[in-house]
Amino acid sequence: MGCGDSAVATFTEPVTFRDKVGPSLSRLFANKNEMIGQSGLVNALHSSDLTYQGGSFDGITITVYLTGSFALGGVCDIPRVEAQINLTAATAAGARDAAVIVNGRPLAEALSLK
C-alpha cells in the first residue's frame, strides 16, 4: 500500500442501517483525526472533504459515487486513500470489489498528481 504500510480494519460502536455503504463511508469521512486513537494507524482522509452521493451493487462490485476534494499529505497517501475508501465500501456492501467515482472521475484519476 502506501510506502510499505498496510490497511487495518478498525471498529466503532454497533450501528444498524439498511444501506451500510453510505453510513460507513460518511463515518469514515467525518473522522478528522489524523491518527486512529493510540493505535499508530493513519487516517489519510482526515483533511479531505468528501460526501457520499449514492451507490449500486451488482452482486460482485459496489460502485460508489462521491463528491468533494482530497487534501493529501504526500504521495504515500494516494494508496492509503484508495485502500481506505475501497475496503470500507466493499466490506460494508459485502462486495468483492469496489469502483469509486469522485466528481464523475474514477478514484485513481481523481487522486492522480498529473
PDB file of N, CA and C in Angstrom:
ATOM      1  N   MET A   1       0.836  -1.167   0.000  1.00  0.00           N
ATOM      2  CA  MET A   1       0.000   0.000   0.000  1.00  0.00           C
ATOM      3  C   MET A   1       0.881   1.229   0.000  1.00  0.00           C
ATOM      4  N   GLY A   2       0.664   2.203   0.867  1.00  0.00           N
ATOM      5  CA  GLY A   2       1.396   3.463   0.858  1.00  0.00           C
ATOM      6  C   GLY A   2       2.710   3.395   1.603  1.00  0.00           C
ATOM      7  N   CYS A   3       3.821   3.384   0.894  1.00  0.00           N
ATOM      8  CA  CYS A   3       5.159   3.441   1.490  1.00  0.00           C
ATOM      9  C   CYS A   3       5.416   2.322   2.491  1.00  0.00           C
ATOM     10  N   GLY A   4       5.009   1.111   2.168  1.00  0.00           N
ATOM     11  CA  GLY A   4       5.321  -0.050   2.981  1.00  0.00           C
ATOM     12  C   GLY A   4       4.365  -0.349   4.117  1.00  0.00           C
ATOM     13  N   ASP A   5       3.252   0.378   4.223  1.00  0.00           N
ATOM     14  CA  ASP A   5       2.303   0.077   5.292  1.00  0.00           C
ATOM     15  C   ASP A   5       1.145  -0.743   4.744  1.00  0.00           C
ATOM     16  N   SER A   6       0.155  -1.028   5.577  1.00  0.00           N
ATOM     17  CA  SER A   6      -0.974  -1.848   5.147  1.00  0.00           C
ATOM     18  C   SER A   6      -2.267  -1.314   5.735  1.00  0.00           C
ATOM     19  N   ALA A   7      -3.388  -1.736   5.176  1.00  0.00           N
ATOM     20  CA  ALA A   7      -4.710  -1.339   5.667  1.00  0.00           C
ATOM     21  C   ALA A   7      -5.119  -2.273   6.793  1.00  0.00           C
ATOM     22  N   VAL A   8      -5.688  -1.694   7.851  1.00  0.00           N
ATOM     23  CA  VAL A   8      -6.135  -2.461   9.004  1.00  0.00           C
ATOM     24  C   VAL A   8      -7.554  -2.031   9.345  1.00  0.00           C
ATOM     25  N   ALA A   9      -8.454  -2.993   9.524  1.00  0.00           N
ATOM     26  CA  ALA A   9      -9.838  -2.675   9.878  1.00  0.00           C
ATOM     27  C   ALA A   9      -9.895  -2.124  11.299  1.00  0.00           C
ATOM     28  N   THR A  10     -10.715  -1.115  11.500  1.00  0.00           N
ATOM     29  CA  THR A  10     -10.979  -0.592  12.838  1.00  0.00           C
ATOM     30  C   THR A  10     -12.474  -0.681  13.078  1.00  0.00           C
ATOM     31  N   PHE A  11     -12.876  -0.611  14.316  1.00  0.00           N
ATOM     32  CA  PHE A  11     -14.273  -0.785  14.663  1.00  0.00           C
ATOM     33  C   PHE A  11     -14.792   0.404  15.452  1.00  0.00           C
ATOM     34  N   THR A  12     -16.098   0.663  15.310  1.00  0.00           N
ATOM     35  CA  THR A  12     -16.787   1.688  16.087  1.00  0.00           C
ATOM     36  C   THR A  12     -17.900   0.986  16.857  1.00  0.00           C
ATOM     37  N   GLU A  13     -18.677   1.747  17.589  1.00  0.00           N
ATOM     38  CA  GLU A  13     -19.792   1.131  18.298  1.00  0.00           C
ATOM     39  C   GLU A  13     -20.795   0.582  17.282  1.00  0.00           C
ATOM     40  N   PRO A  14     -21.562  -0.419  17.660  1.00  0.00           N
ATOM     41  CA  PRO A  14     -22.529  -1.012  16.726  1.00  0.00           C
ATOM     42  C   PRO A  14     -23.615  -0.021  16.304  1.00  0.00           C
ATOM     43  N   VAL A  15     -23.875   0.020  15.013  1.00  0.00           N
ATOM     44  CA  VAL A  15     -24.943   0.843  14.450  1.00  0.00           C
ATOM     45  C   VAL A  15     -25.605  -0.006  13.375  1.00  0.00           C
ATOM     46  N   THR A  16     -26.933   0.011  13.292  1.00  0.00           N
ATOM     47  CA  THR A  16     -27.651  -0.801  12.316  1.00  0.00           C
ATOM     48  C   THR A  16     -28.278   0.096  11.248  1.00  0.00           C
ATOM     49  N   PHE A  17     -28.030  -0.236   9.976  1.00  0.00           N
ATOM     50  CA  PHE A  17     -28.566   0.503   8.835  1.00  0.00           C
ATOM     51  C   PHE A  17     -28.984  -0.494   7.766  1.00  0.00           C
ATOM     52  N   ARG A  18     -29.959  -0.142   6.959  1.00  0.00           N
ATOM     53  CA  ARG A  18     -30.290  -0.979   5.792  1.00  0.00           C
ATOM     54  C   ARG A  18     -29.230  -0.792   4.720  1.00  0.00           C
ATOM     55  N   ASP A  19     -28.867   0.453   4.425  1.00  0.00           N
ATOM     56  CA  ASP A  19     -27.777   0.764   3.498  1.00  0.00           C
ATOM     57  C   ASP A  19     -26.533   0.941   4.339  1.00  0.00           C
ATOM     58  N   LYS A  20     -25.642  -0.023   4.315  1.00  0.00           N
ATOM     59  CA  LYS A  20     -24.447   0.049   5.146  1.00  0.00           C
ATOM     60  C   LYS A  20     -23.317   0.847   4.500  1.00  0.00           C
ATOM     61  N   VAL A  21     -23.338   0.996   3.189  1.00  0.00           N
ATOM     62  CA  VAL A  21     -22.244   1.666   2.484  1.00  0.00           C
ATOM     63  C   VAL A  21     -22.229   3.160   2.776  1.00  0.00           C
ATOM     64  N   GLY A  22     -23.369   3.830   2.591  1.00  0.00           N
ATOM     65  CA  GLY A  22     -23.432   5.276   2.822  1.00  0.00           C
ATOM     66  C   GLY A  22     -23.016   5.667   4.231  1.00  0.00           C
ATOM     67  N   PRO A  23     -23.618   5.085   5.257  1.00  0.00           N
ATOM     68  CA  PRO A  23     -23.216   5.434   6.627  1.00  0.00           C
ATOM     69  C   PRO A  23     -21.762   5.081   6.941  1.00  0.00           C
ATOM     70  N   SER A  24     -21.267   3.971   6.391  1.00  0.00           N
ATOM     71  CA  SER A  24     -19.877   3.576   6.655  1.00  0.00           C
ATOM     72  C   SER A  24     -18.901   4.584   6.051  1.00  0.00           C
ATOM     73  N   LEU A  25     -19.152   4.981   4.805  1.00  0.00           N
ATOM     74  CA  LEU A  25     -18.272   5.966   4.174  1.00  0.00           C
ATOM     75  C   LEU A  25     -18.434   7.337   4.827  1.00  0.00           C
ATOM     76  N   SER A  26     -19.661   7.709   5.154  1.00  0.00           N
ATOM     77  CA  SER A  26     -19.877   9.004   5.817  1.00  0.00           C
ATOM     78  C   SER A  26     -19.145   9.061   7.148  1.00  0.00           C
ATOM     79  N   ARG A  27     -19.158   7.955   7.861  1.00  0.00           N
ATOM     80  CA  ARG A  27     -18.438   7.875   9.141  1.00  0.00           C
ATOM     81  C   ARG A  27     -16.935   7.996   8.913  1.00  0.00           C
ATOM     82  N   LEU A  28     -16.431   7.328   7.884  1.00  0.00           N
ATOM     83  CA  LEU A  28     -15.010   7.411   7.535  1.00  0.00           C
ATOM     84  C   LEU A  28     -14.622   8.852   7.215  1.00  0.00           C
ATOM     85  N   PHE A  29     -15.439   9.525   6.417  1.00  0.00           N
ATOM     86  CA  PHE A  29     -15.127  10.892   6.002  1.00  0.00           C
ATOM     87  C   PHE A  29     -15.284  11.902   7.138  1.00  0.00           C
ATOM     88  N   ALA A  30     -16.116  11.592   8.116  1.00  0.00           N
ATOM     89  CA  ALA A  30     -16.356  12.517   9.232  1.00  0.00           C
ATOM     90  C   ALA A  30     -15.226  12.510  10.251  1.00  0.00           C
ATOM     91  N   ASN A  31     -14.403  11.476  10.248  1.00  0.00           N
ATOM     92  CA  ASN A  31     -13.301  11.393  11.211  1.00  0.00           C
ATOM     93  C   ASN A  31     -12.190  12.341  10.786  1.00  0.00           C
ATOM     94  N   LYS A  32     -11.995  13.413  11.520  1.00  0.00           N
ATOM     95  CA  LYS A  32     -10.995  14.424  11.175  1.00  0.00           C
ATOM     96  C   LYS A  32      -9.711  14.280  11.981  1.00  0.00           C
ATOM     97  N   ASN A  33      -9.552  13.136  12.655  1.00  0.00           N
ATOM     98  CA  ASN A  33      -8.318  12.866  13.391  1.00  0.00           C
ATOM     99  C   ASN A  33      -7.300  12.224  12.462  1.00  0.00           C
ATOM    100  N   GLU A  34      -6.073  12.709  12.499  1.00  0.00           N
ATOM    101  CA  GLU A  34      -5.031  12.163  11.642  1.00  0.00           C
ATOM    102  C   GLU A  34      -4.642  10.737  12.050  1.00  0.00           C
ATOM    103  N   MET A  35      -4.685  10.464  13.331  1.00  0.00           N
ATOM    104  CA  MET A  35      -4.342   9.135  13.845  1.00  0.00           C
ATOM    105  C   MET A  35      -5.609   8.489  14.423  1.00  0.00           C
ATOM    106  N   ILE A  36      -5.693   7.161  14.334  1.00  0.00           N
ATOM    107  CA  ILE A  36      -6.819   6.427  14.896  1.00  0.00           C
ATOM    108  C   ILE A  36      -6.438   6.025  16.321  1.00  0.00           C
ATOM    109  N   GLY A  37      -6.883   6.808  17.294  1.00  0.00           N
ATOM    110  CA  GLY A  37      -6.578   6.535  18.692  1.00  0.00           C
ATOM    111  C   GLY A  37      -5.091   6.430  18.942  1.00  0.00           C
ATOM    112  N   GLN A  38      -4.701   5.504  19.810  1.00  0.00           N
ATOM    113  CA  GLN A  38      -3.293   5.275  20.138  1.00  0.00           C
ATOM    114  C   GLN A  38      -2.688   4.141  19.319  1.00  0.00           C
ATOM    115  N   SER A  39      -3.398   3.718  18.277  1.00  0.00           N
ATOM    116  CA  SER A  39      -3.017   2.529  17.519  1.00  0.00           C
ATOM    117  C   SER A  39      -1.818   2.737  16.598  1.00  0.00           C
ATOM    118  N   GLY A  40      -1.510   3.971  16.250  1.00  0.00           N
ATOM    119  CA  GLY A  40      -0.469   4.235  15.268  1.00  0.00           C
ATOM    120  C   GLY A  40      -0.992   4.164  13.843  1.00  0.00           C
ATOM    121  N   LEU A  41      -2.299   3.911  13.682  1.00  0.00           N
ATOM    122  CA  LEU A  41      -2.901   3.843  12.353  1.00  0.00           C
ATOM    123  C   LEU A  41      -3.177   5.250  11.837  1.00  0.00           C
ATOM    124  N   VAL A  42      -2.922   5.471  10.558  1.00  0.00           N
ATOM    125  CA  VAL A  42      -3.075   6.783   9.935  1.00  0.00           C
ATOM    126  C   VAL A  42      -4.411   6.874   9.208  1.00  0.00           C
ATOM    127  N   ASN A  43      -5.100   7.992   9.406  1.00  0.00           N
ATOM    128  CA  ASN A  43      -6.322   8.293   8.666  1.00  0.00           C
ATOM    129  C   ASN A  43      -5.932   9.259   7.548  1.00  0.00           C
ATOM    130  N   ALA A  44      -5.666   8.740   6.364  1.00  0.00           N
ATOM    131  CA  ALA A  44      -5.212   9.560   5.240  1.00  0.00           C
ATOM    132  C   ALA A  44      -6.298  10.497   4.716  1.00  0.00           C
ATOM    133  N   LEU A  45      -7.530  10.314   5.168  1.00  0.00           N
ATOM    134  CA  LEU A  45      -8.649  11.143   4.708  1.00  0.00           C
ATOM    135  C   LEU A  45      -8.993  12.278   5.667  1.00  0.00           C
ATOM    136  N   HIS A  46      -8.234  12.457   6.726  1.00  0.00           N
ATOM    137  CA  HIS A  46      -8.619  13.392   7.786  1.00  0.00           C
ATOM    138  C   HIS A  46      -8.798  14.837   7.315  1.00  0.00           C
ATOM    139  N   SER A  47      -8.096  15.254   6.292  1.00  0.00           N
ATOM    140  CA  SER A  47      -8.218  16.638   5.811  1.00  0.00           C
ATOM    141  C   SER A  47      -9.040  16.760   4.536  1.00  0.00           C
ATOM    142  N   SER A  48      -9.515  15.640   4.026  1.00  0.00           N
ATOM    143  CA  SER A  48     -10.307  15.667   2.786  1.00  0.00           C
ATOM    144  C   SER A  48     -11.751  16.040   3.091  1.00  0.00           C
ATOM    145  N   ASP A  49     -12.438  16.527   2.072  1.00  0.00           N
ATOM    146  CA  ASP A  49     -13.841  16.944   2.202  1.00  0.00           C
ATOM    147  C   ASP A  49     -14.654  16.164   1.176  1.00  0.00           C
ATOM    148  N   LEU A  50     -15.150  14.991   1.573  1.00  0.00           N
ATOM    149  CA  LEU A  50     -15.871  14.113   0.660  1.00  0.00           C
ATOM    150  C   LEU A  50     -17.276  13.841   1.163  1.00  0.00           C
ATOM    151  N   THR A  51     -18.187  13.644   0.215  1.00  0.00           N
ATOM    152  CA  THR A  51     -19.584  13.347   0.539  1.00  0.00           C
ATOM    153  C   THR A  51     -20.054  12.177  -0.307  1.00  0.00           C
ATOM    154  N   TYR A  52     -20.704  11.222   0.343  1.00  0.00           N
ATOM    155  CA  TYR A  52     -21.298  10.066  -0.339  1.00  0.00           C
ATOM    156  C   TYR A  52     -22.576  10.523  -1.035  1.00  0.00           C
ATOM    157  N   GLN A  53     -22.689  10.229  -2.336  1.00  0.00           N
ATOM    158  CA  GLN A  53     -23.866  10.619  -3.116  1.00  0.00           C
ATOM    159  C   GLN A  53     -24.781   9.446  -3.443  1.00  0.00           C
ATOM    160  N   GLY A  54     -24.245   8.235  -3.388  1.00  0.00           N
ATOM    161  CA  GLY A  54     -25.047   7.064  -3.703  1.00  0.00           C
ATOM    162  C   GLY A  54     -24.177   5.933  -4.198  1.00  0.00           C
ATOM    163  N   GLY A  55     -24.821   4.823  -4.500  1.00  0.00           N
ATOM    164  CA  GLY A  55     -24.080   3.676  -4.978  1.00  0.00           C
ATOM    165  C   GLY A  55     -25.000   2.621  -5.556  1.00  0.00           C
ATOM    166  N   SER A  56     -24.399   1.633  -6.193  1.00  0.00           N
ATOM    167  CA  SER A  56     -25.152   0.500  -6.720  1.00  0.00           C
ATOM    168  C   SER A  56     -24.291  -0.746  -6.583  1.00  0.00           C
ATOM    169  N   PHE A  57     -24.964  -1.885  -6.416  1.00  0.00           N
ATOM    170  CA  PHE A  57     -24.270  -3.148  -6.188  1.00  0.00           C
ATOM    171  C   PHE A  57     -24.807  -4.185  -7.161  1.00  0.00           C
ATOM    172  N   ASP A  58     -23.918  -4.814  -7.928  1.00  0.00           N
ATOM    173  CA  ASP A  58     -24.339  -5.817  -8.906  1.00  0.00           C
ATOM    174  C   ASP A  58     -24.145  -7.251  -8.413  1.00  0.00           C
ATOM    175  N   GLY A  59     -23.853  -7.398  -7.121  1.00  0.00           N
ATOM    176  CA  GLY A  59     -23.616  -8.716  -6.554  1.00  0.00           C
ATOM    177  C   GLY A  59     -22.141  -9.057  -6.433  1.00  0.00           C
ATOM    178  N   ILE A  60     -21.299  -8.334  -7.148  1.00  0.00           N
ATOM    179  CA  ILE A  60     -19.851  -8.546  -7.088  1.00  0.00           C
ATOM    180  C   ILE A  60     -19.130  -7.246  -6.745  1.00  0.00           C
ATOM    181  N   THR A  61     -19.487  -6.174  -7.465  1.00  0.00           N
ATOM    182  CA  THR A  61     -18.812  -4.882  -7.306  1.00  0.00           C
ATOM    183  C   THR A  61     -19.781  -3.831  -6.782  1.00  0.00           C
ATOM    184  N   ILE A  62     -19.347  -3.098  -5.763  1.00  0.00           N
ATOM    185  CA  ILE A  62     -20.099  -1.940  -5.293  1.00  0.00           C
ATOM    186  C   ILE A  62     -19.523  -0.719  -6.019  1.00  0.00           C
ATOM    187  N   THR A  63     -20.383   0.017  -6.694  1.00  0.00           N
ATOM    188  CA  THR A  63     -19.979   1.257  -7.340  1.00  0.00           C
ATOM    189  C   THR A  63     -20.465   2.396  -6.466  1.00  0.00           C
ATOM    190  N   VAL A  64     -19.553   3.267  -6.087  1.00  0.00           N
ATOM    191  CA  VAL A  64     -19.831   4.347  -5.152  1.00  0.00           C
ATOM    192  C   VAL A  64     -19.572   5.683  -5.833  1.00  0.00           C
ATOM    193  N   TYR A  65     -20.481   6.629  -5.615  1.00  0.00           N
ATOM    194  CA  TYR A  65     -20.356   7.965  -6.180  1.00  0.00           C
ATOM    195  C   TYR A  65     -20.127   8.967  -5.055  1.00  0.00           C
ATOM    196  N   LEU A  66     -19.027   9.713  -5.183  1.00  0.00           N
ATOM    197  CA  LEU A  66     -18.656  10.706  -4.181  1.00  0.00           C
ATOM    198  C   LEU A  66     -18.470  12.060  -4.837  1.00  0.00           C
ATOM    199  N   THR A  67     -18.619  13.110  -4.049  1.00  0.00           N
ATOM    200  CA  THR A  67     -18.252  14.453  -4.482  1.00  0.00           C
ATOM    201  C   THR A  67     -17.335  15.038  -3.424  1.00  0.00           C
ATOM    202  N   GLY A  68     -16.570  16.040  -3.829  1.00  0.00           N
ATOM    203  CA  GLY A  68     -15.708  16.717  -2.879  1.00  0.00           C
ATOM    204  C   GLY A  68     -14.275  16.784  -3.356  1.00  0.00           C
ATOM    205  N   SER A  69     -13.376  16.963  -2.388  1.00  0.00           N
ATOM    206  CA  SER A  69     -11.966  17.156  -2.728  1.00  0.00           C
ATOM    207  C   SER A  69     -11.067  16.425  -1.734  1.00  0.00           C
ATOM    208  N   PHE A  70      -9.871  16.123  -2.211  1.00  0.00           N
ATOM    209  CA  PHE A  70      -8.869  15.466  -1.395  1.00  0.00           C
ATOM    210  C   PHE A  70      -7.838  16.478  -0.925  1.00  0.00           C
ATOM    211  N   ALA A  71      -7.335  16.295   0.287  1.00  0.00           N
ATOM    212  CA  ALA A  71      -6.204  17.047   0.814  1.00  0.00           C
ATOM    213  C   ALA A  71      -5.213  15.992   1.296  1.00  0.00           C
ATOM    214  N   LEU A  72      -4.242  15.680   0.455  1.00  0.00           N
ATOM    215  CA  LEU A  72      -3.309  14.609   0.745  1.00  0.00           C
ATOM    216  C   LEU A  72      -2.040  15.147   1.386  1.00  0.00           C
ATOM    217  N   GLY A  73      -1.416  14.302   2.214  1.00  0.00           N
ATOM    218  CA  GLY A  73      -0.181  14.686   2.884  1.00  0.00           C
ATOM    219  C   GLY A  73       1.061  14.309   2.097  1.00  0.00           C
ATOM    220  N   GLY A  74       0.913  13.729   0.918  1.00  0.00           N
ATOM    221  CA  GLY A  74       2.043  13.312   0.091  1.00  0.00           C
ATOM    222  C   GLY A  74       1.663  12.107  -0.745  1.00  0.00           C
ATOM    223  N   VAL A  75       2.608  11.627  -1.545  1.00  0.00           N
ATOM    224  CA  VAL A  75       2.328  10.527  -2.462  1.00  0.00           C
ATOM    225  C   VAL A  75       1.971   9.234  -1.733  1.00  0.00           C
ATOM    226  N   CYS A  76       2.447   9.050  -0.515  1.00  0.00           N
ATOM    227  CA  CYS A  76       2.111   7.830   0.239  1.00  0.00           C
ATOM    228  C   CYS A  76       0.635   7.783   0.600  1.00  0.00           C
ATOM    229  N   ASP A  77      -0.026   8.944   0.627  1.00  0.00           N
ATOM    230  CA  ASP A  77      -1.452   8.970   0.960  1.00  0.00           C
ATOM    231  C   ASP A  77      -2.337   8.470  -0.174  1.00  0.00           C
ATOM    232  N   ILE A  78      -1.855   8.475  -1.407  1.00  0.00           N
ATOM    233  CA  ILE A  78      -2.687   8.034  -2.535  1.00  0.00           C
ATOM    234  C   ILE A  78      -3.138   6.585  -2.355  1.00  0.00           C
ATOM    235  N   PRO A  79      -2.233   5.614  -2.183  1.00  0.00           N
ATOM    236  CA  PRO A  79      -2.704   4.237  -1.983  1.00  0.00           C
ATOM    237  C   PRO A  79      -3.436   4.058  -0.659  1.00  0.00           C
ATOM    238  N   ARG A  80      -3.120   4.869   0.342  1.00  0.00           N
ATOM    239  CA  ARG A  80      -3.842   4.785   1.620  1.00  0.00           C
ATOM    240  C   ARG A  80      -5.299   5.194   1.432  1.00  0.00           C
ATOM    241  N   VAL A  81      -5.518   6.298   0.742  1.00  0.00           N
ATOM    242  CA  VAL A  81      -6.881   6.777   0.494  1.00  0.00           C
ATOM    243  C   VAL A  81      -7.646   5.751  -0.343  1.00  0.00           C
ATOM    244  N   GLU A  82      -7.010   5.236  -1.396  1.00  0.00           N
ATOM    245  CA  GLU A  82      -7.666   4.221  -2.223  1.00  0.00           C
ATOM    246  C   GLU A  82      -8.079   3.025  -1.373  1.00  0.00           C
ATOM    247  N   ALA A  83      -7.188   2.547  -0.536  1.00  0.00           N
ATOM    248  CA  ALA A  83      -7.495   1.377   0.300  1.00  0.00           C
ATOM    249  C   ALA A  83      -8.587   1.698   1.312  1.00  0.00           C
ATOM    250  N   GLN A  84      -8.500   2.843   1.976  1.00  0.00           N
ATOM    251  CA  GLN A  84      -9.492   3.172   2.991  1.00  0.00           C
ATOM    252  C   GLN A  84     -10.892   3.270   2.389  1.00  0.00           C
ATOM    253  N   ILE A  85     -11.017   3.913   1.245  1.00  0.00           N
ATOM    254  CA  ILE A  85     -12.343   4.053   0.619  1.00  0.00           C
ATOM    255  C   ILE A  85     -12.805   2.720   0.028  1.00  0.00           C
ATOM    256  N   ASN A  86     -11.946   2.070  -0.778  1.00  0.00           N
ATOM    257  CA  ASN A  86     -12.345   0.815  -1.429  1.00  0.00           C
ATOM    258  C   ASN A  86     -12.678  -0.277  -0.424  1.00  0.00           C
ATOM    259  N   LEU A  87     -11.847  -0.457   0.580  1.00  0.00           N
ATOM    260  CA  LEU A  87     -12.093  -1.523   1.559  1.00  0.00           C
ATOM    261  C   LEU A  87     -13.313  -1.233   2.415  1.00  0.00           C
ATOM    262  N   THR A  88     -13.523   0.034   2.777  1.00  0.00           N
ATOM    263  CA  THR A  88     -14.711   0.385   3.559  1.00  0.00           C
ATOM    264  C   THR A  88     -15.972   0.100   2.752  1.00  0.00           C
ATOM    265  N   ALA A  89     -16.008   0.541   1.491  1.00  0.00           N
ATOM    266  CA  ALA A  89     -17.191   0.332   0.647  1.00  0.00           C
ATOM    267  C   ALA A  89     -17.441  -1.150   0.395  1.00  0.00           C
ATOM    268  N   ALA A  90     -16.394  -1.891   0.025  1.00  0.00           N
ATOM    269  CA  ALA A  90     -16.563  -3.315  -0.283  1.00  0.00           C
ATOM    270  C   ALA A  90     -16.994  -4.100   0.955  1.00  0.00           C
ATOM    271  N   THR A  91     -16.385  -3.825   2.092  1.00  0.00           N
ATOM    272  CA  THR A  91     -16.742  -4.536   3.324  1.00  0.00           C
ATOM    273  C   THR A  91     -18.182  -4.240   3.725  1.00  0.00           C
ATOM    274  N   ALA A  92     -18.573  -2.976   3.670  1.00  0.00           N
ATOM    275  CA  ALA A  92     -19.935  -2.587   4.058  1.00  0.00           C
ATOM    276  C   ALA A  92     -20.978  -3.224   3.147  1.00  0.00           C
ATOM    277  N   ALA A  93     -20.661  -3.358   1.863  1.00  0.00           N
ATOM    278  CA  ALA A  93     -21.614  -3.925   0.900  1.00  0.00           C
ATOM    279  C   ALA A  93     -21.567  -5.447   0.844  1.00  0.00           C
ATOM    280  N   GLY A  94     -20.520  -6.037   1.395  1.00  0.00           N
ATOM    281  CA  GLY A  94     -20.333  -7.470   1.231  1.00  0.00           C
ATOM    282  C   GLY A  94     -19.902  -7.795  -0.185  1.00  0.00           C
ATOM    283  N   ALA A  95     -19.185  -6.866  -0.805  1.00  0.00           N
ATOM    284  CA  ALA A  95     -18.760  -6.996  -2.199  1.00  0.00           C
ATOM    285  C   ALA A  95     -17.328  -7.512  -2.284  1.00  0.00           C
ATOM    286  N   ARG A  96     -16.997  -8.064  -3.424  1.00  0.00           N
ATOM    287  CA  ARG A  96     -15.626  -8.495  -3.674  1.00  0.00           C
ATOM    288  C   ARG A  96     -14.759  -7.314  -4.090  1.00  0.00           C
ATOM    289  N   ASP A  97     -15.347  -6.379  -4.830  1.00  0.00           N
ATOM    290  CA  ASP A  97     -14.608  -5.235  -5.360  1.00  0.00           C
ATOM    291  C   ASP A  97     -15.403  -3.951  -5.171  1.00  0.00           C
ATOM    292  N   ALA A  98     -14.689  -2.828  -5.268  1.00  0.00           N
ATOM    293  CA  ALA A  98     -15.336  -1.517  -5.235  1.00  0.00           C
ATOM    294  C   ALA A  98     -14.832  -0.690  -6.411  1.00  0.00           C
ATOM    295  N   ALA A  99     -15.737   0.052  -7.024  1.00  0.00           N
ATOM    296  CA  ALA A  99     -15.406   1.033  -8.048  1.00  0.00           C
ATOM    297  C   ALA A  99     -15.885   2.372  -7.505  1.00  0.00           C
ATOM    298  N   VAL A 100     -14.967   3.313  -7.372  1.00  0.00           N
ATOM    299  CA  VAL A 100     -15.300   4.592  -6.751  1.00  0.00           C
ATOM    300  C   VAL A 100     -15.168   5.700  -7.788  1.00  0.00           C
ATOM    301  N   ILE A 101     -16.224   6.498  -7.883  1.00  0.00           N
ATOM    302  CA  ILE A 101     -16.270   7.627  -8.812  1.00  0.00           C
ATOM    303  C   ILE A 101     -16.331   8.904  -7.973  1.00  0.00           C
ATOM    304  N   VAL A 102     -15.392   9.820  -8.211  1.00  0.00           N
ATOM    305  CA  VAL A 102     -15.335  11.075  -7.463  1.00  0.00           C
ATOM    306  C   VAL A 102     -15.490  12.229  -8.448  1.00  0.00           C
ATOM    307  N   ASN A 103     -16.542  13.004  -8.265  1.00  0.00           N
ATOM    308  CA  ASN A 103     -16.820  14.132  -9.157  1.00  0.00           C
ATOM    309  C   ASN A 103     -16.844  13.690 -10.622  1.00  0.00           C
ATOM    310  N   GLY A 104     -17.403  12.499 -10.869  1.00  0.00           N
ATOM    311  CA  GLY A 104     -17.533  11.986 -12.227  1.00  0.00           C
ATOM    312  C   GLY A 104     -16.296  11.312 -12.787  1.00  0.00           C
ATOM    313  N   ARG A 105     -15.242  11.196 -11.985  1.00  0.00           N
ATOM    314  CA  ARG A 105     -13.988  10.588 -12.449  1.00  0.00           C
ATOM    315  C   ARG A 105     -13.646   9.377 -11.582  1.00  0.00           C
ATOM    316  N   PRO A 106     -13.024   8.339 -12.169  1.00  0.00           N
ATOM    317  CA  PRO A 106     -12.588   7.193 -11.363  1.00  0.00           C
ATOM    318  C   PRO A 106     -11.635   7.658 -10.251  1.00  0.00           C
ATOM    319  N   LEU A 107     -11.661   6.971  -9.121  1.00  0.00           N
ATOM    320  CA  LEU A 107     -10.861   7.362  -7.970  1.00  0.00           C
ATOM    321  C   LEU A 107      -9.383   7.534  -8.304  1.00  0.00           C
ATOM    322  N   ALA A 108      -8.801   6.586  -9.033  1.00  0.00           N
ATOM    323  CA  ALA A 108      -7.380   6.681  -9.372  1.00  0.00           C
ATOM    324  C   ALA A 108      -7.065   7.960 -10.143  1.00  0.00           C
ATOM    325  N   GLU A 109      -7.971   8.328 -11.042  1.00  0.00           N
ATOM    326  CA  GLU A 109      -7.792   9.547 -11.823  1.00  0.00           C
ATOM    327  C   GLU A 109      -7.958  10.781 -10.929  1.00  0.00           C
ATOM    328  N   ALA A 110      -8.936  10.753 -10.033  1.00  0.00           N
ATOM    329  CA  ALA A 110      -9.170  11.871  -9.130  1.00  0.00           C
ATOM    330  C   ALA A 110      -7.990  12.086  -8.184  1.00  0.00           C
ATOM    331  N   LEU A 111      -7.272  11.009  -7.860  1.00  0.00           N
ATOM    332  CA  LEU A 111      -6.118  11.110  -6.966  1.00  0.00           C
ATOM    333  C   LEU A 111      -4.799  11.345  -7.696  1.00  0.00           C
ATOM    334  N   SER A 112      -4.814  11.299  -9.018  1.00  0.00           N
ATOM    335  CA  SER A 112      -3.594  11.428  -9.803  1.00  0.00           C
ATOM    336  C   SER A 112      -2.934  12.785  -9.571  1.00  0.00           C
ATOM    337  N   LEU A 113      -1.618  12.769  -9.449  1.00  0.00           N
ATOM    338  CA  LEU A 113      -0.863  14.007  -9.262  1.00  0.00           C
ATOM    339  C   LEU A 113      -0.511  14.649 -10.597  1.00  0.00           C
ATOM    340  N   LYS A 114      -0.946  14.035 -11.710  1.00  0.00           N
ATOM    341  CA  LYS A 114      -0.647  14.563 -13.049  1.00  0.00           C
ATOM    342  C   LYS A 114      -1.536  15.735 -13.372  1.00  0.00           C
TER     343      LYS A 114
END
